[in-house]
Protein backbone atom coordinates (compact mmCIF):
# COMPACT_ATOMS: atom_id res chain seq x y z
CA MET A 1 -0.17 0.15 -0.19
CA ASN A 2 1.35 3.42 -1.11
CA ILE A 3 1.09 5.33 1.87
CA LYS A 4 1.88 8.69 0.67
CA GLU A 5 -0.13 8.63 -2.74
CA PHE A 6 -3.23 7.33 -0.39
CA ILE A 7 -3.04 10.46 1.77
CA GLU A 8 -2.33 13.09 -0.86
CA SER A 9 -4.68 11.56 -3.53
CA SER A 10 -7.27 9.56 -2.30
CA GLY A 11 -9.65 12.55 -0.69
CA MET A 12 -10.98 9.62 2.03
CA LEU A 13 -8.78 11.37 4.89
CA GLU A 14 -10.70 14.40 4.19
CA ASP A 15 -14.28 13.08 4.09
CA TYR A 16 -13.41 11.03 7.32
CA VAL A 17 -12.59 14.18 8.96
CA LEU A 18 -15.47 15.58 7.49
CA GLY A 19 -17.49 13.05 8.50
CA HIS A 20 -18.63 12.02 4.83
CA LEU A 21 -17.76 8.28 5.19
CA PRO A 22 -20.18 5.41 5.92
CA ASP A 23 -19.65 3.51 8.81
CA LYS A 24 -17.98 0.64 7.65
CA GLU A 25 -15.39 2.88 5.56
CA ALA A 26 -14.69 5.19 8.42
CA ALA A 27 -13.87 2.03 10.55
CA GLY A 28 -11.70 1.17 7.93
CA ILE A 29 -9.79 4.57 8.01
CA GLU A 30 -9.46 4.13 11.73
CA CYS A 31 -7.98 0.61 11.54
CA LEU A 32 -5.46 2.26 9.11
CA ALA A 33 -4.48 5.09 11.34
CA GLN A 34 -3.84 2.47 14.56
CA THR A 35 -1.35 0.96 11.86
CA TYR A 36 0.28 3.69 10.08
CA PRO A 37 1.59 6.55 12.10
CA GLU A 38 1.66 8.98 8.75
CA ILE A 39 -2.41 8.45 8.16
CA LYS A 40 -3.01 9.15 12.20
CA GLN A 41 -0.51 12.31 11.73
CA GLU A 42 -2.39 13.48 8.79
CA ILE A 43 -6.01 12.67 10.24
CA GLU A 44 -4.36 15.05 13.39
CA VAL A 45 -3.49 17.66 10.84
CA LEU A 46 -6.66 17.82 9.19
CA ASN A 47 -8.87 18.24 12.23
CA LEU A 48 -6.57 20.87 13.37
CA SER A 49 -6.97 22.63 10.11
CA LEU A 50 -10.83 21.89 10.18
CA GLY A 51 -11.02 23.44 13.85
CA LYS A 52 -9.10 26.70 12.80
CA TYR A 53 -11.13 27.11 9.56
CA ALA A 54 -14.27 26.79 11.79
CA ALA A 55 -12.87 29.19 14.39
CA VAL A 56 -12.86 31.81 11.89
CA TYR A 57 -16.48 31.65 10.84
CA GLU A 58 -17.61 31.08 14.06
CA LYS A 59 -16.30 34.70 15.35
CA GLU A 60 -18.31 37.54 15.41
CA PRO A 61 -17.61 40.16 13.15
CA PRO A 62 -16.96 43.58 15.10
CA ALA A 63 -19.87 46.10 15.39
CA PHE A 64 -18.44 48.56 13.37
CA LEU A 65 -18.05 46.27 10.22
CA LYS A 66 -22.07 46.19 10.00
CA ASP A 67 -23.02 50.00 10.15
CA GLN A 68 -19.74 50.55 7.80
CA ILE A 69 -21.38 47.99 5.03
CA PHE A 70 -24.99 49.12 5.19
CA SER A 71 -23.47 53.00 5.14
CA GLN A 72 -21.75 52.09 1.89
CA MET A 73 -24.24 50.01 0.19
CA THR A 74 -25.64 51.78 -2.84
CA PHE A 75 -27.05 50.90 -6.50
CA ALA A 76 -24.92 53.47 -8.07
CA GLU A 77 -21.77 51.86 -10.10
CA ASP A 78 -19.42 54.50 -8.58
CA GLU A 79 -20.45 53.44 -4.86
CA GLU A 80 -20.30 49.80 -5.61
CA VAL A 81 -16.63 50.52 -6.54
CA GLN A 82 -16.13 52.57 -3.63
CA GLU A 83 -17.75 49.47 -1.60
CA GLU A 84 -15.10 46.90 -2.88
CA GLU A 85 -12.48 48.91 -1.54
CA SER A 86 -13.54 49.47 1.86
CA LEU A 87 -14.27 45.97 2.65
CA PRO A 88 -11.13 44.43 2.40
CA GLU A 89 -9.88 46.89 5.18
CA ALA A 90 -12.61 45.46 7.61
CA TYR A 91 -12.02 41.89 6.82
CA GLU A 92 -8.20 42.23 7.20
CA GLU A 93 -8.80 43.25 11.32
CA ILE A 94 -10.40 39.74 10.96
CA THR A 95 -8.10 37.45 9.04
CA ALA A 96 -4.99 39.12 10.45
CA GLU A 97 -5.96 37.34 14.06
CA THR A 98 -6.19 33.70 12.65
CA GLU A 99 -4.07 31.95 9.91
CA ILE A 100 -6.04 29.71 7.83
CA GLU A 101 -3.67 26.78 6.54
CA GLU A 102 -3.88 25.91 2.84
CA VAL A 103 -6.59 23.34 1.88
CA ARG A 104 -6.01 20.79 -0.75
CA ILE A 105 -8.75 20.69 -3.33
CA ILE A 106 -9.14 16.47 -4.56
CA PRO A 107 -10.89 16.08 -7.61
CA LEU A 108 -14.33 14.42 -7.33
CA TRP A 109 -13.41 11.81 -10.00
CA SER A 110 -10.34 11.06 -8.09
CA LYS A 111 -12.47 10.23 -5.01
CA MET A 112 -14.88 8.54 -6.95
CA ALA A 113 -12.22 6.23 -9.00
CA LEU A 114 -10.68 5.23 -5.51
CA ALA A 115 -14.19 4.22 -4.05
CA ALA A 116 -15.06 2.43 -6.91
CA SER A 117 -11.73 0.39 -6.67
CA VAL A 118 -11.99 -0.09 -3.20
CA LEU A 119 -15.51 -1.24 -3.88
CA LEU A 120 -14.46 -3.68 -6.74
CA ALA A 121 -11.81 -5.45 -4.50
CA ALA A 122 -14.01 -5.99 -1.95
CA VAL A 123 -16.82 -7.45 -3.85
CA THR A 124 -13.86 -9.83 -5.80
CA ALA A 125 -12.79 -10.83 -2.32
CA TRP A 126 -16.15 -11.67 -1.28
CA MET A 127 -16.90 -13.50 -4.49
CA VAL A 128 -13.74 -15.35 -4.00
CA SER A 129 -14.51 -16.52 -0.33
CA GLU A 130 -18.28 -17.48 -1.38
CA ASN A 131 -16.77 -19.76 -4.18
CA LYS A 132 -14.22 -21.45 -2.17
CA GLN A 133 -17.45 -22.06 0.68
CA LEU A 134 -19.57 -23.29 -1.97
CA LYS A 135 -17.26 -25.74 -3.44
CA THR A 136 -16.36 -27.26 -0.15
CA GLU A 137 -20.27 -27.32 0.87
CA SER A 138 -20.62 -29.14 -2.47
CA THR A 139 -17.89 -31.47 -1.70
CA GLU A 140 -19.38 -32.46 1.78
CA LEU A 141 -22.63 -32.74 0.09
CA SER A 142 -21.27 -35.08 -2.97
CA GLU A 143 -19.59 -37.19 -0.35
CA ARG A 144 -22.54 -37.46 1.99
CA VAL A 145 -25.14 -38.49 -0.70
CA GLU A 146 -22.18 -41.06 -1.63
CA ASN A 147 -22.11 -42.39 1.85
CA LEU A 148 -25.98 -42.53 1.94
CA GLU A 149 -26.13 -44.02 -1.23
CA GLY A 150 -23.58 -47.00 -0.23
CA SER A 151 -25.74 -47.31 3.29
CA PHE A 152 -28.73 -47.38 1.46
CA ASN A 153 -27.56 -50.20 -1.47
CA SER A 154 -25.76 -52.36 1.86
CA SER A 155 -29.12 -52.24 3.74
CA SER A 156 -30.97 -53.03 0.40
CA GLU A 157 -28.81 -56.12 0.12
CA LEU A 158 -29.02 -57.11 3.51
CA LEU A 159 -32.69 -56.99 3.33
CA ALA A 160 -32.82 -59.09 0.72
CA GLU A 161 -30.59 -61.81 2.14
CA PHE A 162 -33.09 -61.72 5.13
CA GLN A 163 -35.96 -61.90 2.71
CA ASN A 164 -34.42 -65.03 0.62
CA PRO A 165 -36.25 -68.34 1.64
CA VAL A 166 -33.10 -70.24 1.30
CA ASN A 167 -31.42 -68.61 4.44
CA LYS A 168 -32.04 -70.01 7.71
CA ILE A 169 -32.05 -66.85 10.27
CA VAL A 170 -30.67 -67.64 13.54
CA LYS A 171 -30.49 -64.84 16.54
CA LEU A 172 -27.71 -65.80 18.92
CA GLY A 173 -28.66 -64.08 22.48
CA GLY A 174 -26.45 -63.17 25.52
CA THR A 175 -25.41 -65.47 28.22
CA GLU A 176 -25.76 -64.36 31.58
CA ALA A 177 -22.09 -63.29 31.75
CA GLN A 178 -22.88 -61.20 28.95
CA PRO A 179 -26.75 -60.46 29.00
CA GLU A 180 -26.61 -57.34 26.31
CA ALA A 181 -24.78 -59.13 23.76
CA ALA A 182 -26.42 -60.06 20.23
CA VAL A 183 -25.62 -61.63 17.05
CA THR A 184 -27.32 -62.54 13.99
CA VAL A 185 -26.36 -65.34 11.65
CA MET A 186 -27.61 -66.11 8.12
CA TRP A 187 -27.30 -69.92 6.97
CA ASN A 188 -27.76 -70.39 3.20
CA GLN A 189 -29.51 -73.88 3.59
CA LYS A 190 -28.64 -74.13 -0.36
CA ASP A 191 -24.87 -73.71 -0.57
CA ASN A 192 -24.05 -73.79 3.22
CA SER A 193 -22.58 -70.64 3.13
CA VAL A 194 -22.78 -68.55 6.39
CA GLU A 195 -22.73 -64.77 7.25
CA LEU A 196 -23.04 -63.02 10.27
CA MET A 197 -23.96 -59.54 11.67
CA VAL A 198 -22.71 -58.29 15.33
CA ASN A 199 -25.61 -56.60 16.76
CA ASN A 200 -24.00 -56.40 20.11
CA LEU A 201 -20.56 -57.00 21.29
CA PRO A 202 -17.64 -55.69 23.48
CA LYS A 203 -14.44 -54.69 21.79
CA ALA A 204 -12.05 -57.68 21.86
CA ALA A 205 -8.81 -56.71 24.01
CA ASP A 206 -5.70 -56.91 22.61
CA GLY A 207 -4.53 -59.98 21.79
CA LYS A 208 -8.17 -61.40 21.76
CA GLN A 209 -10.66 -62.63 19.00
CA TYR A 210 -13.78 -63.79 18.54
CA GLN A 211 -14.60 -67.20 17.07
CA LEU A 212 -17.62 -68.69 15.60
CA TRP A 213 -18.79 -72.34 16.64
CA ILE A 214 -21.55 -74.77 15.39
CA ILE A 215 -22.74 -77.22 17.82
CA GLY A 216 -23.29 -80.51 15.90
CA GLU A 217 -23.53 -84.13 16.23
CA ASN A 218 -19.49 -84.44 16.28
CA GLY A 219 -19.69 -81.46 19.23
CA PRO A 220 -18.26 -78.11 18.66
CA GLU A 221 -17.03 -77.38 15.43
CA ASP A 222 -14.77 -74.27 14.44
CA MET A 223 -16.41 -71.73 11.75
CA GLY A 224 -13.88 -68.99 11.89
CA MET A 225 -12.74 -66.10 13.46
CA LEU A 226 -14.68 -62.73 13.29
CA ASP A 227 -12.84 -59.47 12.21
CA ASN A 228 -12.00 -57.22 14.99
CA ASP A 229 -13.48 -54.49 13.04
CA PHE A 230 -17.23 -56.20 13.05
CA GLU A 231 -19.23 -52.87 13.48
CA GLY A 232 -21.80 -52.45 10.81
CA LYS A 233 -20.16 -55.12 8.18
CA LEU A 234 -21.91 -58.28 7.17
CA LEU A 235 -19.06 -60.90 7.57
CA SER A 236 -18.58 -64.29 6.02
CA MET A 237 -17.77 -67.27 7.84
CA LYS A 238 -16.94 -70.58 6.75
CA ALA A 239 -19.42 -73.14 5.35
CA VAL A 240 -21.38 -75.48 7.55
CA ASN A 241 -20.53 -79.07 7.47
CA GLY A 242 -23.37 -81.21 8.56
CA THR A 243 -26.51 -80.34 10.15
CA PRO A 244 -25.74 -78.11 13.26
CA SER A 245 -28.17 -77.87 16.13
CA ALA A 246 -27.13 -74.31 17.42
CA PHE A 247 -24.41 -71.68 16.62
CA ALA A 248 -22.12 -69.81 19.42
CA ILE A 249 -19.64 -67.33 19.90
CA THR A 250 -16.70 -67.21 22.39
CA LEU A 251 -14.06 -65.03 23.05
CA GLU A 252 -10.59 -66.26 22.43
CA LYS A 253 -6.64 -65.69 22.01
CA ALA A 254 -6.26 -63.86 18.24
CA GLY A 255 -6.01 -66.77 15.60
CA GLY A 256 -8.33 -68.89 17.57
CA VAL A 257 -8.42 -71.90 19.55
CA PRO A 258 -9.54 -75.89 18.48
CA SER A 259 -12.18 -75.85 21.12
CA PRO A 260 -14.17 -73.23 22.74
CA THR A 261 -13.42 -71.77 26.10
CA LEU A 262 -17.13 -72.21 27.83
CA GLU A 263 -15.96 -69.70 30.18
CA GLN A 264 -15.65 -66.97 27.44
CA LEU A 265 -19.21 -67.66 25.84
CA TYR A 266 -20.63 -64.25 24.76
CA VAL A 267 -23.68 -65.65 22.45
CA ILE A 268 -25.42 -68.75 21.71
CA GLY A 269 -28.69 -69.59 19.44
CA ASN A 270 -30.55 -72.79 18.46
CA VAL A 271 -31.01 -73.55 14.97
């Protein structure tokens, strides 16, 4: 920012001192004055000059001036000349007491051009900011729509699985140790594939993992380990071998064990 050019050519400081600026622009000038000492000093000078100028016109003229002026008023051309010659002597007594500082006159077109450029810069900055905000909101909205579409598609597929007559739905309820636990198993009786969805299970501790079992004629059989990041997922497990009478889940060490730990039985459900 060219401070000297702004002070000498903009005319905004004069308008500020005269109280002609809108509140927003006046606040901007005050902010600049706090930042640039040159602007603050110029405002003080203008205020001082304005005060001196006002003091001249606020001072009452001497009593003799009124009588002198009226005594010399006439419509004759020669008396008009005489009046012109006598008046300056009276005014000299007034102007001699106060020296009026030179006042710079800024062309109107210069003020208008600067105001237009400031307004254009402000509007441009606002439009750039709004455009960035709209792009950000548009991106966020697109992501939300994609997530909703994905969630809807997953829900539709899951509903279709539940409604498929070849799937046997088995609800596994919590045990006495974990009464709030719940898991839903879908057993496809046509190809013996098994999928499950965790409704409510506490997070497995470090080094631990949930393991699915079927209980059949040959006792408990391993059906695979649950992904520890199971929330909101439909997990594919091992295929069923034979005809199970129940499904159960225990909490075991990571990677699984050959036989279930009954003390860590979390859910079980009869087929």
